N, C-alpha and C. Protein backbone atom coordinates (compact mmCIF):
# COMPACT_ATOMS: atom_id res chain seq x y z
N MET A 1 -36.85 -249.90 -174.34
CA MET A 1 -37.81 -248.82 -174.20
C MET A 1 -38.45 -248.48 -175.54
N LYS A 2 -37.65 -248.48 -176.61
CA LYS A 2 -38.17 -248.17 -177.93
C LYS A 2 -39.20 -249.21 -178.35
N ARG A 3 -38.94 -250.45 -178.05
CA ARG A 3 -39.85 -251.54 -178.40
C ARG A 3 -41.18 -251.40 -177.65
N ILE A 4 -41.13 -251.03 -176.37
CA ILE A 4 -42.35 -250.85 -175.58
C ILE A 4 -43.19 -249.73 -176.16
N LYS A 5 -42.55 -248.64 -176.56
CA LYS A 5 -43.25 -247.51 -177.15
C LYS A 5 -43.98 -247.93 -178.42
N HIS A 6 -43.34 -248.76 -179.24
CA HIS A 6 -43.94 -249.21 -180.49
C HIS A 6 -45.13 -250.13 -180.24
N ILE A 7 -45.15 -250.83 -179.13
CA ILE A 7 -46.26 -251.72 -178.82
C ILE A 7 -47.40 -250.95 -178.15
N ILE A 8 -47.08 -250.07 -177.21
CA ILE A 8 -48.10 -249.35 -176.44
C ILE A 8 -48.87 -248.37 -177.30
N VAL A 9 -48.20 -247.62 -178.14
CA VAL A 9 -48.88 -246.60 -178.94
C VAL A 9 -49.94 -247.21 -179.85
N PRO A 10 -49.66 -248.27 -180.64
CA PRO A 10 -50.73 -248.83 -181.46
C PRO A 10 -51.87 -249.42 -180.64
N VAL A 11 -51.56 -250.01 -179.50
CA VAL A 11 -52.61 -250.58 -178.65
C VAL A 11 -53.51 -249.48 -178.11
N LEU A 12 -52.93 -248.40 -177.61
CA LEU A 12 -53.72 -247.28 -177.11
C LEU A 12 -54.55 -246.64 -178.22
N CYS A 13 -53.98 -246.53 -179.40
CA CYS A 13 -54.73 -245.97 -180.54
C CYS A 13 -55.95 -246.83 -180.84
N ARG A 14 -55.78 -248.15 -180.84
CA ARG A 14 -56.93 -249.03 -181.10
C ARG A 14 -57.99 -248.88 -180.01
N ILE A 15 -57.56 -248.76 -178.78
CA ILE A 15 -58.52 -248.63 -177.68
C ILE A 15 -59.33 -247.35 -177.82
N PHE A 16 -58.66 -246.23 -178.06
CA PHE A 16 -59.36 -244.95 -178.11
C PHE A 16 -60.10 -244.72 -179.41
N VAL A 17 -59.59 -245.19 -180.50
CA VAL A 17 -60.22 -244.95 -181.80
C VAL A 17 -61.37 -245.91 -182.05
N PHE A 18 -61.21 -247.16 -181.69
CA PHE A 18 -62.20 -248.16 -182.06
C PHE A 18 -63.16 -248.56 -180.94
N ASN A 19 -63.06 -247.95 -179.78
CA ASN A 19 -63.95 -248.29 -178.69
C ASN A 19 -65.09 -247.28 -178.63
N PRO A 20 -66.30 -247.67 -179.04
CA PRO A 20 -67.42 -246.72 -179.04
C PRO A 20 -67.95 -246.39 -177.65
N LEU A 21 -67.50 -247.10 -176.63
CA LEU A 21 -67.99 -246.85 -175.28
C LEU A 21 -67.27 -245.71 -174.59
N LEU A 22 -66.11 -245.32 -175.07
CA LEU A 22 -65.38 -244.22 -174.45
C LEU A 22 -65.99 -242.90 -174.89
N PRO A 23 -66.31 -242.04 -173.95
CA PRO A 23 -66.90 -240.75 -174.33
C PRO A 23 -65.85 -239.83 -174.95
N ILE A 24 -66.26 -239.14 -175.97
CA ILE A 24 -65.39 -238.15 -176.61
C ILE A 24 -66.02 -236.79 -176.34
N HIS A 25 -65.28 -235.91 -175.70
CA HIS A 25 -65.80 -234.58 -175.38
C HIS A 25 -65.27 -233.57 -176.38
N ALA A 26 -66.20 -232.93 -177.06
CA ALA A 26 -65.85 -231.88 -177.99
C ALA A 26 -66.55 -230.61 -177.51
N GLN A 27 -66.22 -229.49 -178.13
CA GLN A 27 -66.86 -228.24 -177.75
C GLN A 27 -67.44 -227.58 -178.98
N GLU A 28 -68.61 -226.97 -178.77
CA GLU A 28 -69.20 -226.13 -179.79
C GLU A 28 -68.74 -224.71 -179.50
N THR A 29 -68.36 -223.98 -180.53
CA THR A 29 -67.88 -222.61 -180.33
C THR A 29 -68.61 -221.67 -181.28
N ALA A 30 -68.99 -220.51 -180.79
CA ALA A 30 -69.59 -219.47 -181.61
C ALA A 30 -68.96 -218.14 -181.21
N ALA A 31 -68.87 -217.21 -182.16
CA ALA A 31 -68.23 -215.92 -181.88
C ALA A 31 -69.01 -214.78 -182.52
N GLU A 32 -68.88 -213.60 -181.91
CA GLU A 32 -69.47 -212.37 -182.48
C GLU A 32 -68.56 -211.19 -182.17
N ILE A 33 -68.65 -210.16 -183.01
CA ILE A 33 -67.83 -208.96 -182.82
C ILE A 33 -68.74 -207.76 -182.64
N GLU A 34 -68.42 -206.92 -181.66
CA GLU A 34 -69.15 -205.68 -181.40
C GLU A 34 -68.17 -204.52 -181.55
N TYR A 35 -68.38 -203.69 -182.60
CA TYR A 35 -67.49 -202.56 -182.84
C TYR A 35 -67.96 -201.33 -182.07
N LEU A 36 -67.03 -200.58 -181.51
CA LEU A 36 -67.34 -199.36 -180.78
C LEU A 36 -66.98 -198.15 -181.65
N SER A 37 -67.47 -196.99 -181.28
CA SER A 37 -67.32 -195.79 -182.11
C SER A 37 -65.86 -195.36 -182.31
N ASP A 38 -64.98 -195.68 -181.36
CA ASP A 38 -63.57 -195.27 -181.49
C ASP A 38 -62.72 -196.28 -182.27
N GLY A 39 -63.35 -197.33 -182.80
CA GLY A 39 -62.61 -198.33 -183.57
C GLY A 39 -62.20 -199.54 -182.76
N SER A 40 -62.29 -199.46 -181.44
CA SER A 40 -62.01 -200.63 -180.61
C SER A 40 -63.20 -201.58 -180.73
N TYR A 41 -63.02 -202.80 -180.26
CA TYR A 41 -64.11 -203.77 -180.38
C TYR A 41 -63.98 -204.89 -179.36
N TYR A 42 -65.11 -205.56 -179.15
CA TYR A 42 -65.17 -206.76 -178.31
C TYR A 42 -65.36 -207.97 -179.21
N LEU A 43 -64.58 -209.00 -178.97
CA LEU A 43 -64.76 -210.29 -179.62
C LEU A 43 -65.26 -211.24 -178.54
N THR A 44 -66.48 -211.73 -178.70
CA THR A 44 -67.11 -212.58 -177.70
C THR A 44 -67.26 -213.99 -178.25
N GLU A 45 -66.81 -214.97 -177.46
CA GLU A 45 -66.89 -216.38 -177.87
C GLU A 45 -67.60 -217.18 -176.79
N ILE A 46 -68.41 -218.13 -177.25
CA ILE A 46 -69.10 -219.05 -176.35
C ILE A 46 -68.54 -220.44 -176.62
N GLN A 47 -68.21 -221.16 -175.57
CA GLN A 47 -67.77 -222.55 -175.69
C GLN A 47 -68.71 -223.41 -174.86
N VAL A 48 -69.36 -224.34 -175.54
CA VAL A 48 -70.33 -225.23 -174.91
C VAL A 48 -69.81 -226.65 -174.99
N ASP A 49 -69.78 -227.33 -173.87
CA ASP A 49 -69.45 -228.75 -173.86
C ASP A 49 -70.55 -229.46 -174.64
N SER A 50 -70.19 -230.11 -175.77
CA SER A 50 -71.22 -230.70 -176.63
C SER A 50 -71.75 -232.02 -176.11
N VAL A 51 -71.15 -232.57 -175.06
CA VAL A 51 -71.64 -233.81 -174.49
C VAL A 51 -72.17 -233.52 -173.09
N PRO A 52 -73.50 -233.43 -172.92
CA PRO A 52 -74.03 -233.17 -171.58
C PRO A 52 -73.79 -234.35 -170.66
N SER A 53 -73.68 -234.06 -169.38
CA SER A 53 -73.48 -235.14 -168.42
C SER A 53 -74.73 -235.33 -167.59
N ALA A 54 -74.97 -236.56 -167.19
CA ALA A 54 -76.13 -236.87 -166.35
C ALA A 54 -75.62 -237.09 -164.93
N ARG A 55 -75.27 -236.00 -164.25
CA ARG A 55 -74.68 -236.13 -162.92
C ARG A 55 -75.72 -236.16 -161.81
N LEU A 56 -76.84 -235.49 -161.97
CA LEU A 56 -77.80 -235.40 -160.88
C LEU A 56 -78.75 -236.60 -160.84
N SER A 57 -79.34 -236.94 -161.95
CA SER A 57 -80.22 -238.09 -162.05
C SER A 57 -80.44 -238.39 -163.51
N ALA A 58 -81.18 -239.42 -163.79
CA ALA A 58 -81.46 -239.76 -165.19
C ALA A 58 -82.30 -238.69 -165.85
N ALA A 59 -83.12 -237.98 -165.08
CA ALA A 59 -84.01 -236.98 -165.66
C ALA A 59 -83.33 -235.62 -165.82
N ASN A 60 -82.33 -235.32 -165.01
CA ASN A 60 -81.66 -234.02 -165.08
C ASN A 60 -80.28 -234.17 -165.72
N ARG A 61 -79.95 -233.24 -166.56
CA ARG A 61 -78.64 -233.21 -167.21
C ARG A 61 -77.96 -231.90 -166.83
N THR A 62 -76.63 -231.88 -166.88
CA THR A 62 -75.88 -230.65 -166.60
C THR A 62 -75.00 -230.32 -167.79
N ARG A 63 -74.80 -229.03 -167.99
CA ARG A 63 -73.87 -228.55 -169.01
C ARG A 63 -73.10 -227.37 -168.43
N THR A 64 -71.81 -227.35 -168.71
CA THR A 64 -70.97 -226.23 -168.31
C THR A 64 -70.59 -225.46 -169.56
N VAL A 65 -70.73 -224.16 -169.47
CA VAL A 65 -70.53 -223.28 -170.62
C VAL A 65 -69.64 -222.12 -170.20
N SER A 66 -68.82 -221.64 -171.12
CA SER A 66 -68.06 -220.43 -170.85
C SER A 66 -68.28 -219.44 -171.98
N LYS A 67 -68.31 -218.18 -171.61
CA LYS A 67 -68.46 -217.09 -172.57
C LYS A 67 -67.41 -216.05 -172.23
N THR A 68 -66.57 -215.73 -173.20
CA THR A 68 -65.46 -214.80 -172.99
C THR A 68 -65.58 -213.62 -173.94
N ALA A 69 -65.47 -212.42 -173.39
CA ALA A 69 -65.41 -211.21 -174.21
C ALA A 69 -64.02 -210.61 -174.05
N ARG A 70 -63.32 -210.46 -175.17
CA ARG A 70 -61.99 -209.83 -175.17
C ARG A 70 -62.12 -208.45 -175.79
N TYR A 71 -61.49 -207.48 -175.14
CA TYR A 71 -61.52 -206.10 -175.62
C TYR A 71 -60.25 -205.83 -176.41
N PHE A 72 -60.41 -205.36 -177.66
CA PHE A 72 -59.29 -205.08 -178.56
C PHE A 72 -59.21 -203.59 -178.85
N SER A 73 -58.00 -203.10 -179.01
CA SER A 73 -57.79 -201.71 -179.43
C SER A 73 -58.15 -201.59 -180.91
N SER A 74 -58.24 -200.37 -181.41
CA SER A 74 -58.55 -200.17 -182.83
C SER A 74 -57.46 -200.73 -183.73
N SER A 75 -56.26 -200.90 -183.20
CA SER A 75 -55.17 -201.49 -184.00
C SER A 75 -55.12 -203.02 -183.90
N GLY A 76 -56.06 -203.62 -183.16
CA GLY A 76 -56.17 -205.07 -183.10
C GLY A 76 -55.42 -205.74 -181.97
N ASN A 77 -54.92 -204.98 -181.01
CA ASN A 77 -54.24 -205.57 -179.86
C ASN A 77 -55.24 -205.91 -178.77
N VAL A 78 -55.18 -207.12 -178.25
CA VAL A 78 -56.08 -207.50 -177.17
C VAL A 78 -55.59 -206.85 -175.88
N LEU A 79 -56.51 -206.18 -175.16
CA LEU A 79 -56.14 -205.41 -173.98
C LEU A 79 -56.58 -206.06 -172.67
N TRP A 80 -57.80 -206.62 -172.64
CA TRP A 80 -58.29 -207.27 -171.43
C TRP A 80 -59.46 -208.17 -171.79
N TYR A 81 -59.88 -208.99 -170.82
CA TYR A 81 -61.01 -209.89 -171.07
C TYR A 81 -61.84 -210.08 -169.81
N VAL A 82 -63.08 -210.52 -170.01
CA VAL A 82 -63.96 -210.99 -168.94
C VAL A 82 -64.52 -212.33 -169.40
N LYS A 83 -64.57 -213.29 -168.47
CA LYS A 83 -65.04 -214.63 -168.80
C LYS A 83 -66.06 -215.10 -167.77
N LEU A 84 -67.17 -215.62 -168.27
CA LEU A 84 -68.21 -216.22 -167.45
C LEU A 84 -68.17 -217.72 -167.64
N THR A 85 -68.09 -218.46 -166.55
CA THR A 85 -68.21 -219.92 -166.60
C THR A 85 -69.41 -220.29 -165.75
N ALA A 86 -70.37 -220.98 -166.36
CA ALA A 86 -71.61 -221.30 -165.65
C ALA A 86 -71.99 -222.76 -165.90
N THR A 87 -72.65 -223.34 -164.92
CA THR A 87 -73.17 -224.70 -165.04
C THR A 87 -74.68 -224.64 -164.90
N PHE A 88 -75.35 -225.34 -165.81
CA PHE A 88 -76.80 -225.36 -165.85
C PHE A 88 -77.32 -226.79 -165.76
N THR A 89 -78.50 -226.94 -165.18
CA THR A 89 -79.22 -228.22 -165.23
C THR A 89 -80.46 -228.00 -166.08
N TYR A 90 -80.90 -229.05 -166.75
CA TYR A 90 -82.11 -228.99 -167.56
C TYR A 90 -82.68 -230.40 -167.67
N ASN A 91 -83.99 -230.48 -167.95
CA ASN A 91 -84.64 -231.79 -168.02
C ASN A 91 -85.70 -231.89 -169.11
N GLY A 92 -85.76 -230.93 -170.02
CA GLY A 92 -86.79 -230.94 -171.06
C GLY A 92 -88.02 -230.16 -170.69
N THR A 93 -88.17 -229.83 -169.41
CA THR A 93 -89.30 -229.04 -168.94
C THR A 93 -88.84 -227.69 -168.40
N THR A 94 -87.76 -227.71 -167.62
CA THR A 94 -87.21 -226.48 -167.04
C THR A 94 -85.69 -226.53 -167.10
N SER A 95 -85.09 -225.39 -166.82
CA SER A 95 -83.63 -225.30 -166.71
C SER A 95 -83.29 -224.34 -165.59
N SER A 96 -82.08 -224.51 -165.06
CA SER A 96 -81.67 -223.67 -163.93
C SER A 96 -80.15 -223.53 -163.93
N CYS A 97 -79.68 -222.36 -163.55
CA CYS A 97 -78.25 -222.14 -163.38
C CYS A 97 -77.88 -222.51 -161.96
N ILE A 98 -76.90 -223.41 -161.82
CA ILE A 98 -76.51 -223.84 -160.48
C ILE A 98 -75.20 -223.20 -160.01
N SER A 99 -74.42 -222.65 -160.95
CA SER A 99 -73.21 -221.93 -160.54
C SER A 99 -72.79 -220.95 -161.62
N ALA A 100 -72.19 -219.86 -161.20
CA ALA A 100 -71.66 -218.84 -162.11
C ALA A 100 -70.39 -218.28 -161.52
N TYR A 101 -69.36 -218.16 -162.35
CA TYR A 101 -68.05 -217.71 -161.88
C TYR A 101 -67.47 -216.73 -162.90
N ALA A 102 -66.94 -215.62 -162.44
CA ALA A 102 -66.35 -214.60 -163.31
C ALA A 102 -64.84 -214.55 -163.14
N THR A 103 -64.13 -214.44 -164.26
CA THR A 103 -62.71 -214.14 -164.24
C THR A 103 -62.47 -212.97 -165.19
N ALA A 104 -61.48 -212.18 -164.88
CA ALA A 104 -61.13 -211.04 -165.72
C ALA A 104 -59.66 -210.72 -165.49
N ASP A 105 -58.99 -210.32 -166.55
CA ASP A 105 -57.59 -209.97 -166.42
C ASP A 105 -57.20 -209.06 -167.58
N SER A 106 -56.09 -208.38 -167.40
CA SER A 106 -55.58 -207.45 -168.40
C SER A 106 -54.35 -208.03 -169.08
N TYR A 107 -54.24 -207.79 -170.38
CA TYR A 107 -53.05 -208.16 -171.14
C TYR A 107 -52.11 -206.97 -171.32
N SER A 108 -52.54 -205.80 -170.91
CA SER A 108 -51.80 -204.56 -171.13
C SER A 108 -51.48 -203.90 -169.79
N SER A 109 -50.29 -203.33 -169.68
CA SER A 109 -49.90 -202.67 -168.43
C SER A 109 -50.67 -201.37 -168.21
N SER A 110 -51.25 -200.80 -169.26
CA SER A 110 -52.00 -199.55 -169.09
C SER A 110 -53.47 -199.79 -168.73
N TRP A 111 -53.93 -201.03 -168.75
CA TRP A 111 -55.30 -201.36 -168.37
C TRP A 111 -55.30 -202.20 -167.10
N LYS A 112 -56.18 -201.86 -166.17
CA LYS A 112 -56.33 -202.59 -164.91
C LYS A 112 -57.81 -202.96 -164.73
N ILE A 113 -58.04 -204.17 -164.25
CA ILE A 113 -59.41 -204.58 -163.94
C ILE A 113 -59.79 -203.96 -162.60
N SER A 114 -60.82 -203.11 -162.60
CA SER A 114 -61.19 -202.44 -161.36
C SER A 114 -62.27 -203.19 -160.59
N ARG A 115 -63.07 -204.00 -161.27
CA ARG A 115 -64.03 -204.84 -160.56
C ARG A 115 -64.52 -205.95 -161.48
N LYS A 116 -64.98 -207.02 -160.84
CA LYS A 116 -65.60 -208.13 -161.57
C LYS A 116 -66.62 -208.78 -160.66
N SER A 117 -67.67 -209.33 -161.26
CA SER A 117 -68.70 -210.00 -160.47
C SER A 117 -69.45 -210.99 -161.34
N ALA A 118 -70.07 -211.95 -160.69
CA ALA A 118 -70.91 -212.93 -161.38
C ALA A 118 -72.22 -213.04 -160.63
N SER A 119 -73.28 -213.37 -161.37
CA SER A 119 -74.58 -213.57 -160.74
C SER A 119 -75.34 -214.64 -161.50
N LYS A 120 -76.33 -215.22 -160.83
CA LYS A 120 -77.19 -216.21 -161.46
C LYS A 120 -78.61 -216.02 -160.95
N THR A 121 -79.57 -216.17 -161.85
CA THR A 121 -80.98 -216.07 -161.50
C THR A 121 -81.74 -217.00 -162.44
N GLY A 122 -82.43 -217.96 -161.88
CA GLY A 122 -83.21 -218.88 -162.70
C GLY A 122 -82.33 -219.61 -163.69
N ASN A 123 -82.63 -219.44 -164.97
CA ASN A 123 -81.85 -220.11 -166.02
C ASN A 123 -80.85 -219.16 -166.68
N LYS A 124 -80.48 -218.08 -166.00
CA LYS A 124 -79.57 -217.08 -166.55
C LYS A 124 -78.36 -216.90 -165.66
N ALA A 125 -77.22 -216.59 -166.30
CA ALA A 125 -75.99 -216.27 -165.57
C ALA A 125 -75.35 -215.07 -166.25
N ALA A 126 -74.63 -214.28 -165.46
CA ALA A 126 -73.97 -213.08 -166.01
C ALA A 126 -72.66 -212.83 -165.29
N ALA A 127 -71.73 -212.25 -166.03
CA ALA A 127 -70.47 -211.79 -165.45
C ALA A 127 -70.20 -210.39 -165.98
N THR A 128 -69.77 -209.52 -165.10
CA THR A 128 -69.46 -208.13 -165.47
C THR A 128 -68.06 -207.80 -165.00
N ALA A 129 -67.33 -207.09 -165.85
CA ALA A 129 -66.02 -206.58 -165.47
C ALA A 129 -65.89 -205.14 -165.92
N ALA A 130 -65.19 -204.38 -165.12
CA ALA A 130 -64.88 -202.99 -165.48
C ALA A 130 -63.36 -202.88 -165.54
N ALA A 131 -62.89 -202.26 -166.61
CA ALA A 131 -61.45 -202.07 -166.79
C ALA A 131 -61.17 -200.59 -166.97
N THR A 132 -60.11 -200.14 -166.34
CA THR A 132 -59.73 -198.73 -166.42
C THR A 132 -58.39 -198.62 -167.13
N GLN A 133 -58.34 -197.70 -168.09
CA GLN A 133 -57.08 -197.41 -168.77
C GLN A 133 -56.39 -196.26 -168.04
N TYR A 134 -55.10 -196.43 -167.78
CA TYR A 134 -54.33 -195.40 -167.09
C TYR A 134 -53.34 -194.77 -168.06
N THR A 135 -53.29 -193.44 -168.03
CA THR A 135 -52.32 -192.68 -168.79
C THR A 135 -51.53 -191.83 -167.81
N LYS A 136 -50.23 -192.02 -167.77
CA LYS A 136 -49.37 -191.32 -166.82
C LYS A 136 -49.88 -191.48 -165.39
N SER A 137 -50.22 -192.70 -165.03
CA SER A 137 -50.68 -193.09 -163.69
C SER A 137 -52.02 -192.49 -163.28
N LYS A 138 -52.76 -191.91 -164.24
CA LYS A 138 -54.07 -191.35 -163.93
C LYS A 138 -55.13 -192.07 -164.77
N PRO A 139 -56.30 -192.34 -164.17
CA PRO A 139 -57.36 -192.99 -164.93
C PRO A 139 -57.79 -192.13 -166.11
N ALA A 140 -57.81 -192.73 -167.30
CA ALA A 140 -58.16 -191.98 -168.50
C ALA A 140 -59.47 -192.45 -169.13
N ARG A 141 -59.75 -193.74 -169.03
CA ARG A 141 -60.95 -194.27 -169.68
C ARG A 141 -61.43 -195.50 -168.93
N LEU A 142 -62.75 -195.67 -168.87
CA LEU A 142 -63.36 -196.83 -168.22
C LEU A 142 -64.20 -197.57 -169.25
N ARG A 143 -64.03 -198.89 -169.30
CA ARG A 143 -64.86 -199.74 -170.14
C ARG A 143 -65.48 -200.81 -169.25
N THR A 144 -66.77 -201.05 -169.44
CA THR A 144 -67.48 -202.09 -168.69
C THR A 144 -68.12 -203.04 -169.68
N LYS A 145 -67.99 -204.33 -169.41
CA LYS A 145 -68.58 -205.33 -170.30
C LYS A 145 -69.28 -206.39 -169.47
N THR A 146 -70.49 -206.74 -169.90
CA THR A 146 -71.26 -207.81 -169.28
C THR A 146 -71.49 -208.91 -170.30
N VAL A 147 -71.24 -210.14 -169.90
CA VAL A 147 -71.56 -211.29 -170.75
C VAL A 147 -72.63 -212.10 -170.03
N THR A 148 -73.60 -212.57 -170.79
CA THR A 148 -74.71 -213.32 -170.20
C THR A 148 -74.90 -214.64 -170.94
N LEU A 149 -75.46 -215.59 -170.23
CA LEU A 149 -75.83 -216.88 -170.81
C LEU A 149 -77.22 -217.24 -170.31
N THR A 150 -78.03 -217.79 -171.21
CA THR A 150 -79.35 -218.30 -170.86
C THR A 150 -79.48 -219.70 -171.42
N CYS A 151 -79.91 -220.62 -170.59
CA CYS A 151 -80.08 -222.02 -170.99
C CYS A 151 -81.57 -222.31 -171.11
N ASP A 152 -81.99 -222.91 -172.24
CA ASP A 152 -83.40 -223.28 -172.35
C ASP A 152 -83.64 -224.66 -171.76
N LYS A 153 -84.87 -225.11 -171.78
CA LYS A 153 -85.25 -226.36 -171.13
C LYS A 153 -84.59 -227.60 -171.74
N ASN A 154 -84.05 -227.45 -172.97
CA ASN A 154 -83.38 -228.56 -173.65
C ASN A 154 -81.86 -228.48 -173.64
N GLY A 155 -81.32 -227.53 -172.87
CA GLY A 155 -79.87 -227.41 -172.75
C GLY A 155 -79.22 -226.64 -173.88
N ARG A 156 -79.98 -225.81 -174.58
CA ARG A 156 -79.42 -224.97 -175.66
C ARG A 156 -79.19 -223.56 -175.12
N PHE A 157 -78.18 -222.89 -175.69
CA PHE A 157 -77.78 -221.56 -175.22
C PHE A 157 -77.95 -220.54 -176.32
């Protein structure tokens, strides 16, 4: 078994490293911070598949993108998040959103996600989540966050 491992690993490395025909999928990531008056903040990140796929036809390309906003307390603890995952088509002339999906969840027992939704219109997608903070089993504070994505005709966000 040890001998097989020593043979297979170098062969697989040569195949994946030196074969230019195998696609390598990487992601582009960008982030921004939005501070609120009470010291809490949202950290929003976009992840774009950097290799578009030509699934529909030679003229149309698709890209799947996700944008996540995490809500942090003023002390830096992450409390909850909302995430938009959307797929777009584009061809150099126009672009269109073909699917949009929202996820949201809480990392804290005192915060509950009260609603979430996703929408798409033309070349835009959006996800909205509302989270409620509970103190002694009573709602104390509501935070709502919307994340949006827009794709241009060349597949840029």
